[in-house]
N, C-alpha and C. Protein backbone atom coordinates (compact mmCIF):
# COMPACT_ATOMS: atom_id res chain seq x y z
N MET A 1 -30.08 -23.01 -23.60
CA MET A 1 -29.22 -23.51 -22.55
C MET A 1 -28.49 -22.33 -21.91
N LYS A 2 -28.44 -22.33 -20.58
CA LYS A 2 -27.74 -21.25 -19.87
C LYS A 2 -26.39 -21.75 -19.38
N PHE A 3 -25.41 -20.91 -19.53
CA PHE A 3 -24.09 -21.23 -19.04
C PHE A 3 -23.79 -20.35 -17.83
N PRO A 4 -23.57 -20.95 -16.63
CA PRO A 4 -23.37 -20.15 -15.42
C PRO A 4 -22.23 -19.16 -15.54
N SER A 5 -21.17 -19.53 -16.22
CA SER A 5 -20.03 -18.62 -16.29
C SER A 5 -20.30 -17.42 -17.19
N LEU A 6 -21.33 -17.51 -18.05
CA LEU A 6 -21.65 -16.40 -18.95
C LEU A 6 -22.75 -15.51 -18.40
N SER A 7 -23.30 -15.87 -17.27
CA SER A 7 -24.38 -15.10 -16.69
C SER A 7 -23.88 -13.74 -16.22
N LEU A 8 -24.68 -12.72 -16.45
CA LEU A 8 -24.30 -11.37 -16.02
C LEU A 8 -24.72 -11.09 -14.59
N LYS A 9 -25.57 -11.94 -14.05
CA LYS A 9 -26.07 -11.75 -12.69
C LYS A 9 -25.02 -12.26 -11.69
N PRO A 10 -24.55 -11.40 -10.78
CA PRO A 10 -23.55 -11.86 -9.80
C PRO A 10 -24.18 -12.83 -8.81
N PRO A 11 -23.39 -13.75 -8.31
CA PRO A 11 -23.93 -14.71 -7.33
C PRO A 11 -24.31 -13.98 -6.04
N ALA A 12 -25.28 -14.53 -5.36
CA ALA A 12 -25.72 -13.95 -4.08
C ALA A 12 -24.58 -14.08 -3.07
N PRO A 13 -24.40 -13.06 -2.25
CA PRO A 13 -23.32 -13.13 -1.26
C PRO A 13 -23.66 -14.17 -0.17
N VAL A 14 -22.63 -14.71 0.41
CA VAL A 14 -22.79 -15.63 1.53
C VAL A 14 -23.14 -14.80 2.75
N LEU A 15 -24.21 -15.17 3.44
CA LEU A 15 -24.61 -14.45 4.64
C LEU A 15 -24.08 -15.19 5.86
N TYR A 16 -23.38 -14.49 6.70
CA TYR A 16 -22.80 -15.08 7.89
C TYR A 16 -23.12 -14.19 9.08
N ALA A 17 -23.67 -14.76 10.12
CA ALA A 17 -23.97 -14.01 11.34
C ALA A 17 -22.86 -14.29 12.36
N SER A 18 -22.33 -13.26 12.96
CA SER A 18 -21.24 -13.42 13.92
C SER A 18 -21.75 -13.70 15.34
N GLU A 19 -23.04 -13.96 15.43
CA GLU A 19 -23.63 -14.28 16.73
C GLU A 19 -24.71 -15.33 16.53
N ARG A 20 -25.06 -16.02 17.62
CA ARG A 20 -26.14 -17.01 17.61
C ARG A 20 -27.02 -16.79 18.82
N THR A 21 -28.31 -16.97 18.64
CA THR A 21 -29.27 -16.79 19.73
C THR A 21 -29.84 -18.14 20.13
N PHE A 22 -29.97 -18.35 21.44
CA PHE A 22 -30.47 -19.61 21.98
C PHE A 22 -31.60 -19.33 22.97
N ASP A 23 -32.58 -20.21 22.98
CA ASP A 23 -33.64 -20.17 23.98
C ASP A 23 -33.16 -20.95 25.20
N SER A 24 -33.31 -20.38 26.36
CA SER A 24 -32.89 -21.04 27.59
C SER A 24 -33.84 -22.17 27.93
N THR A 25 -33.28 -23.29 28.35
CA THR A 25 -34.10 -24.37 28.90
C THR A 25 -34.17 -24.25 30.41
N ALA A 26 -33.19 -23.60 31.01
CA ALA A 26 -33.17 -23.40 32.46
C ALA A 26 -34.23 -22.39 32.89
N LEU A 27 -34.42 -21.35 32.09
CA LEU A 27 -35.42 -20.31 32.36
C LEU A 27 -36.21 -20.04 31.09
N PRO A 28 -37.29 -20.80 30.85
CA PRO A 28 -38.08 -20.59 29.64
C PRO A 28 -38.51 -19.12 29.51
N GLY A 29 -38.43 -18.62 28.29
CA GLY A 29 -38.75 -17.23 28.03
C GLY A 29 -37.51 -16.35 27.94
N VAL A 30 -36.39 -16.86 28.44
CA VAL A 30 -35.12 -16.12 28.37
C VAL A 30 -34.37 -16.59 27.13
N ARG A 31 -33.76 -15.65 26.45
CA ARG A 31 -32.90 -15.95 25.30
C ARG A 31 -31.54 -15.34 25.56
N PHE A 32 -30.51 -16.01 25.10
CA PHE A 32 -29.17 -15.46 25.23
C PHE A 32 -28.47 -15.48 23.88
N VAL A 33 -27.66 -14.47 23.66
CA VAL A 33 -26.96 -14.28 22.40
C VAL A 33 -25.47 -14.48 22.66
N LEU A 34 -24.87 -15.36 21.86
CA LEU A 34 -23.45 -15.65 22.01
C LEU A 34 -22.68 -15.20 20.77
N HIS A 35 -21.45 -14.75 20.99
CA HIS A 35 -20.55 -14.48 19.88
C HIS A 35 -20.15 -15.82 19.27
N ARG A 36 -20.06 -15.87 17.96
CA ARG A 36 -19.57 -17.08 17.30
C ARG A 36 -18.05 -17.06 17.26
N MET A 37 -17.48 -18.23 17.11
CA MET A 37 -16.04 -18.36 17.08
C MET A 37 -15.49 -17.80 15.76
N SER A 38 -14.36 -17.13 15.88
CA SER A 38 -13.60 -16.67 14.72
C SER A 38 -12.13 -16.90 15.08
N ALA A 39 -11.25 -16.73 14.14
CA ALA A 39 -9.83 -16.94 14.41
C ALA A 39 -9.34 -15.99 15.52
N ALA A 40 -9.72 -14.73 15.44
CA ALA A 40 -9.28 -13.75 16.44
C ALA A 40 -9.88 -14.07 17.81
N ARG A 41 -11.16 -14.47 17.83
CA ARG A 41 -11.80 -14.79 19.11
C ARG A 41 -11.19 -16.05 19.71
N ARG A 42 -10.85 -17.04 18.87
CA ARG A 42 -10.21 -18.26 19.38
C ARG A 42 -8.86 -17.93 20.02
N LEU A 43 -8.10 -17.09 19.36
CA LEU A 43 -6.80 -16.67 19.90
C LEU A 43 -6.98 -15.94 21.23
N ASP A 44 -7.96 -15.06 21.30
CA ASP A 44 -8.24 -14.34 22.54
C ASP A 44 -8.62 -15.30 23.66
N LEU A 45 -9.47 -16.26 23.34
CA LEU A 45 -9.88 -17.24 24.36
C LEU A 45 -8.70 -18.07 24.82
N LEU A 46 -7.88 -18.52 23.91
CA LEU A 46 -6.71 -19.32 24.28
C LEU A 46 -5.76 -18.52 25.17
N SER A 47 -5.59 -17.24 24.86
CA SER A 47 -4.68 -16.43 25.69
C SER A 47 -5.27 -16.22 27.08
N ARG A 48 -6.59 -16.11 27.18
CA ARG A 48 -7.24 -15.93 28.49
C ARG A 48 -7.20 -17.21 29.32
N MET A 49 -7.35 -18.36 28.65
CA MET A 49 -7.52 -19.62 29.37
C MET A 49 -6.26 -20.45 29.51
N GLY A 50 -5.23 -20.15 28.77
CA GLY A 50 -4.03 -20.98 28.77
C GLY A 50 -3.47 -21.25 30.15
N GLU A 51 -3.26 -20.22 30.91
CA GLU A 51 -2.68 -20.36 32.25
C GLU A 51 -3.64 -21.09 33.19
N PHE A 52 -4.92 -20.76 33.09
CA PHE A 52 -5.92 -21.40 33.94
C PHE A 52 -5.96 -22.91 33.74
N ALA A 53 -5.92 -23.33 32.49
CA ALA A 53 -6.07 -24.75 32.18
C ALA A 53 -4.95 -25.59 32.78
N SER A 54 -3.72 -25.13 32.67
CA SER A 54 -2.60 -25.91 33.22
C SER A 54 -2.66 -25.94 34.75
N GLN A 55 -3.03 -24.83 35.37
CA GLN A 55 -3.17 -24.80 36.83
C GLN A 55 -4.27 -25.75 37.29
N LEU A 56 -5.38 -25.74 36.58
CA LEU A 56 -6.51 -26.58 36.94
C LEU A 56 -6.13 -28.06 36.88
N GLU A 57 -5.44 -28.46 35.84
CA GLU A 57 -5.04 -29.87 35.72
C GLU A 57 -4.11 -30.28 36.86
N MET A 58 -3.20 -29.41 37.24
CA MET A 58 -2.30 -29.73 38.37
C MET A 58 -3.09 -29.89 39.65
N LEU A 59 -4.00 -28.98 39.92
CA LEU A 59 -4.77 -29.02 41.15
C LEU A 59 -5.72 -30.22 41.18
N ARG A 60 -6.29 -30.56 40.07
CA ARG A 60 -7.19 -31.72 40.02
C ARG A 60 -6.46 -33.03 40.24
N ALA A 61 -5.20 -33.07 39.87
CA ALA A 61 -4.42 -34.30 40.02
C ALA A 61 -4.05 -34.56 41.48
N SER A 62 -4.15 -33.57 42.32
CA SER A 62 -3.78 -33.70 43.72
C SER A 62 -4.89 -34.34 44.54
N ASP A 63 -4.49 -35.03 45.60
CA ASP A 63 -5.45 -35.61 46.53
C ASP A 63 -5.71 -34.71 47.73
N ALA A 64 -4.94 -33.64 47.84
CA ALA A 64 -5.07 -32.75 49.00
C ALA A 64 -6.38 -31.96 48.92
N LEU A 65 -7.07 -31.87 50.04
CA LEU A 65 -8.34 -31.16 50.10
C LEU A 65 -8.19 -29.70 49.70
N ASP A 66 -7.13 -29.04 50.17
CA ASP A 66 -6.89 -27.65 49.83
C ASP A 66 -6.76 -27.47 48.31
N ASP A 67 -6.06 -28.40 47.65
CA ASP A 67 -5.90 -28.32 46.20
C ASP A 67 -7.23 -28.52 45.49
N ARG A 68 -8.09 -29.40 46.02
CA ARG A 68 -9.40 -29.61 45.40
C ARG A 68 -10.28 -28.38 45.54
N VAL A 69 -10.19 -27.70 46.68
CA VAL A 69 -10.95 -26.46 46.87
C VAL A 69 -10.42 -25.40 45.90
N GLN A 70 -9.11 -25.31 45.76
CA GLN A 70 -8.53 -24.35 44.81
C GLN A 70 -8.93 -24.69 43.38
N ALA A 71 -9.01 -25.97 43.07
CA ALA A 71 -9.42 -26.39 41.72
C ALA A 71 -10.86 -25.96 41.44
N GLU A 72 -11.73 -26.12 42.41
CA GLU A 72 -13.13 -25.71 42.22
C GLU A 72 -13.23 -24.19 42.06
N THR A 73 -12.45 -23.46 42.84
CA THR A 73 -12.42 -22.00 42.74
C THR A 73 -11.94 -21.59 41.35
N LEU A 74 -10.90 -22.23 40.87
CA LEU A 74 -10.36 -21.92 39.55
C LEU A 74 -11.36 -22.29 38.45
N ARG A 75 -12.06 -23.41 38.61
CA ARG A 75 -13.07 -23.82 37.63
C ARG A 75 -14.16 -22.76 37.52
N LEU A 76 -14.58 -22.22 38.67
CA LEU A 76 -15.59 -21.16 38.66
C LEU A 76 -15.07 -19.89 37.99
N ARG A 77 -13.81 -19.56 38.23
CA ARG A 77 -13.21 -18.38 37.57
C ARG A 77 -13.18 -18.57 36.06
N ILE A 78 -12.88 -19.79 35.63
CA ILE A 78 -12.87 -20.10 34.20
C ILE A 78 -14.28 -19.92 33.63
N ASP A 79 -15.29 -20.43 34.33
CA ASP A 79 -16.67 -20.27 33.88
C ASP A 79 -17.04 -18.80 33.74
N LEU A 80 -16.65 -17.99 34.71
CA LEU A 80 -16.95 -16.56 34.64
C LEU A 80 -16.26 -15.91 33.44
N GLU A 81 -15.06 -16.34 33.17
CA GLU A 81 -14.32 -15.80 32.02
C GLU A 81 -15.00 -16.20 30.71
N TYR A 82 -15.50 -17.42 30.63
CA TYR A 82 -16.26 -17.84 29.45
C TYR A 82 -17.48 -16.94 29.24
N VAL A 83 -18.20 -16.63 30.31
CA VAL A 83 -19.38 -15.77 30.19
C VAL A 83 -18.97 -14.38 29.71
N ARG A 84 -17.94 -13.82 30.30
CA ARG A 84 -17.48 -12.48 29.89
C ARG A 84 -17.04 -12.48 28.43
N TRP A 85 -16.40 -13.55 28.01
CA TRP A 85 -15.85 -13.65 26.66
C TRP A 85 -16.93 -13.93 25.62
N GLY A 86 -17.87 -14.80 25.94
CA GLY A 86 -18.77 -15.31 24.91
C GLY A 86 -20.18 -14.77 24.89
N LEU A 87 -20.66 -14.21 26.00
CA LEU A 87 -22.04 -13.74 26.06
C LEU A 87 -22.15 -12.33 25.49
N LYS A 88 -22.95 -12.19 24.45
CA LYS A 88 -23.14 -10.87 23.85
C LYS A 88 -24.33 -10.16 24.47
N GLY A 89 -25.39 -10.92 24.80
CA GLY A 89 -26.56 -10.27 25.36
C GLY A 89 -27.57 -11.27 25.91
N LEU A 90 -28.46 -10.74 26.73
CA LEU A 90 -29.55 -11.51 27.33
C LEU A 90 -30.86 -10.81 27.01
N ARG A 91 -31.89 -11.62 26.76
CA ARG A 91 -33.21 -11.06 26.49
C ARG A 91 -34.23 -11.79 27.35
N GLY A 92 -35.20 -11.05 27.83
CA GLY A 92 -36.28 -11.67 28.58
C GLY A 92 -35.99 -11.88 30.05
N ILE A 93 -34.97 -11.21 30.58
CA ILE A 93 -34.66 -11.34 32.00
C ILE A 93 -34.16 -9.99 32.53
N ALA A 94 -34.70 -9.64 33.69
CA ALA A 94 -34.22 -8.46 34.42
C ALA A 94 -33.79 -8.95 35.80
N ILE A 95 -32.70 -8.44 36.28
CA ILE A 95 -32.20 -8.79 37.61
C ILE A 95 -32.33 -7.55 38.47
N ASP A 96 -33.09 -7.66 39.53
CA ASP A 96 -33.38 -6.53 40.41
C ASP A 96 -33.99 -5.37 39.63
N GLY A 97 -34.84 -5.70 38.64
CA GLY A 97 -35.54 -4.69 37.88
C GLY A 97 -34.75 -4.05 36.75
N ILE A 98 -33.52 -4.50 36.53
CA ILE A 98 -32.66 -3.92 35.50
C ILE A 98 -32.36 -5.01 34.46
N PRO A 99 -32.47 -4.69 33.16
CA PRO A 99 -32.17 -5.70 32.14
C PRO A 99 -30.79 -6.33 32.40
N ALA A 100 -30.77 -7.66 32.36
CA ALA A 100 -29.54 -8.39 32.70
C ALA A 100 -28.47 -8.25 31.62
N GLU A 101 -27.23 -8.23 32.09
CA GLU A 101 -26.03 -8.24 31.25
C GLU A 101 -25.10 -9.29 31.83
N ALA A 102 -23.98 -9.53 31.18
CA ALA A 102 -23.05 -10.55 31.64
C ALA A 102 -22.64 -10.34 33.10
N GLU A 103 -22.25 -9.12 33.44
CA GLU A 103 -21.77 -8.88 34.81
C GLU A 103 -22.86 -9.03 35.86
N SER A 104 -24.07 -8.57 35.55
CA SER A 104 -25.15 -8.73 36.54
C SER A 104 -25.55 -10.19 36.66
N LEU A 105 -25.47 -10.94 35.56
CA LEU A 105 -25.73 -12.38 35.63
C LEU A 105 -24.71 -13.05 36.54
N ILE A 106 -23.45 -12.69 36.37
CA ILE A 106 -22.38 -13.27 37.19
C ILE A 106 -22.57 -12.91 38.66
N GLU A 107 -22.85 -11.66 38.93
CA GLU A 107 -22.91 -11.18 40.31
C GLU A 107 -24.19 -11.56 41.05
N ARG A 108 -25.35 -11.50 40.34
CA ARG A 108 -26.62 -11.67 41.07
C ARG A 108 -27.63 -12.55 40.36
N GLY A 109 -27.27 -13.11 39.23
CA GLY A 109 -28.23 -13.85 38.43
C GLY A 109 -28.39 -15.30 38.83
N PRO A 110 -29.35 -15.97 38.22
CA PRO A 110 -29.58 -17.38 38.52
C PRO A 110 -28.43 -18.26 38.04
N GLU A 111 -27.91 -19.05 38.95
CA GLU A 111 -26.75 -19.88 38.64
C GLU A 111 -27.06 -20.90 37.55
N ALA A 112 -28.30 -21.41 37.51
CA ALA A 112 -28.66 -22.40 36.49
C ALA A 112 -28.55 -21.80 35.09
N LEU A 113 -28.93 -20.55 34.93
CA LEU A 113 -28.82 -19.89 33.63
C LEU A 113 -27.36 -19.68 33.26
N MET A 114 -26.55 -19.26 34.22
CA MET A 114 -25.14 -19.06 33.93
C MET A 114 -24.48 -20.38 33.52
N LYS A 115 -24.80 -21.46 34.22
CA LYS A 115 -24.23 -22.76 33.88
C LYS A 115 -24.65 -23.18 32.47
N GLU A 116 -25.92 -22.96 32.14
CA GLU A 116 -26.40 -23.29 30.79
C GLU A 116 -25.63 -22.50 29.73
N ILE A 117 -25.40 -21.23 29.99
CA ILE A 117 -24.68 -20.38 29.04
C ILE A 117 -23.24 -20.84 28.90
N VAL A 118 -22.59 -21.15 30.02
CA VAL A 118 -21.20 -21.64 29.97
C VAL A 118 -21.13 -22.94 29.16
N ASP A 119 -22.05 -23.85 29.43
CA ASP A 119 -22.06 -25.13 28.70
C ASP A 119 -22.24 -24.90 27.20
N ARG A 120 -23.11 -23.98 26.83
CA ARG A 120 -23.35 -23.69 25.41
C ARG A 120 -22.13 -23.03 24.78
N ILE A 121 -21.49 -22.12 25.50
CA ILE A 121 -20.27 -21.47 24.97
C ILE A 121 -19.21 -22.52 24.72
N ARG A 122 -19.01 -23.41 25.68
CA ARG A 122 -18.00 -24.47 25.50
C ARG A 122 -18.33 -25.34 24.31
N ALA A 123 -19.60 -25.70 24.15
CA ALA A 123 -20.01 -26.52 23.01
C ALA A 123 -19.75 -25.79 21.69
N GLU A 124 -20.02 -24.50 21.66
CA GLU A 124 -19.80 -23.72 20.46
C GLU A 124 -18.31 -23.57 20.13
N CYS A 125 -17.47 -23.66 21.14
CA CYS A 125 -16.02 -23.51 20.94
C CYS A 125 -15.36 -24.77 20.42
N GLU A 126 -15.99 -25.91 20.63
CA GLU A 126 -15.39 -27.17 20.22
C GLU A 126 -15.38 -27.29 18.71
N LEU A 127 -14.32 -27.88 18.20
CA LEU A 127 -14.21 -28.12 16.76
C LEU A 127 -15.01 -29.36 16.41
N THR A 128 -15.68 -29.33 15.26
CA THR A 128 -16.37 -30.52 14.78
C THR A 128 -15.34 -31.49 14.20
N GLY A 129 -15.76 -32.70 13.93
CA GLY A 129 -14.86 -33.69 13.35
C GLY A 129 -14.26 -33.22 12.04
N GLU A 130 -15.06 -32.58 11.20
CA GLU A 130 -14.58 -32.07 9.92
C GLU A 130 -13.56 -30.95 10.13
N GLU A 131 -13.81 -30.06 11.09
CA GLU A 131 -12.89 -28.96 11.37
C GLU A 131 -11.56 -29.48 11.91
N ARG A 132 -11.60 -30.56 12.69
CA ARG A 132 -10.35 -31.13 13.22
C ARG A 132 -9.49 -31.70 12.11
N LYS A 133 -10.10 -32.23 11.05
CA LYS A 133 -9.35 -32.81 9.93
C LYS A 133 -8.55 -31.75 9.22
N ASN A 134 -9.10 -30.55 9.13
CA ASN A 134 -8.42 -29.47 8.40
C ASN A 134 -7.34 -28.96 9.25
């Protein structure tokens, strides 16, 4: 009979990757790498987005056309900030012959890919039901 506590063999370390890779559905063949959430990254994201979120809610509550245009502008700025914050790398895509990065995607890349990346970053940032309990 073996007793786990008496074993001389140390337990295998827990392997954790600080990034995740996804295959694009918007552009098959393209893969994007996102940073995973950590306590420090969550704090950084909250500090970047805190002011934007309250402004966006105020503007969305308004019926004025100018406020709605400002709300859409702010929503796009938030999306760009998510890409800058969460996108670690792109694979399988070149923009104007140069391997794509976050800034080139924002400035000249396909909008459908950027939207897919933003949606995935937001999904990755959300707490699961179990995480909310803690």
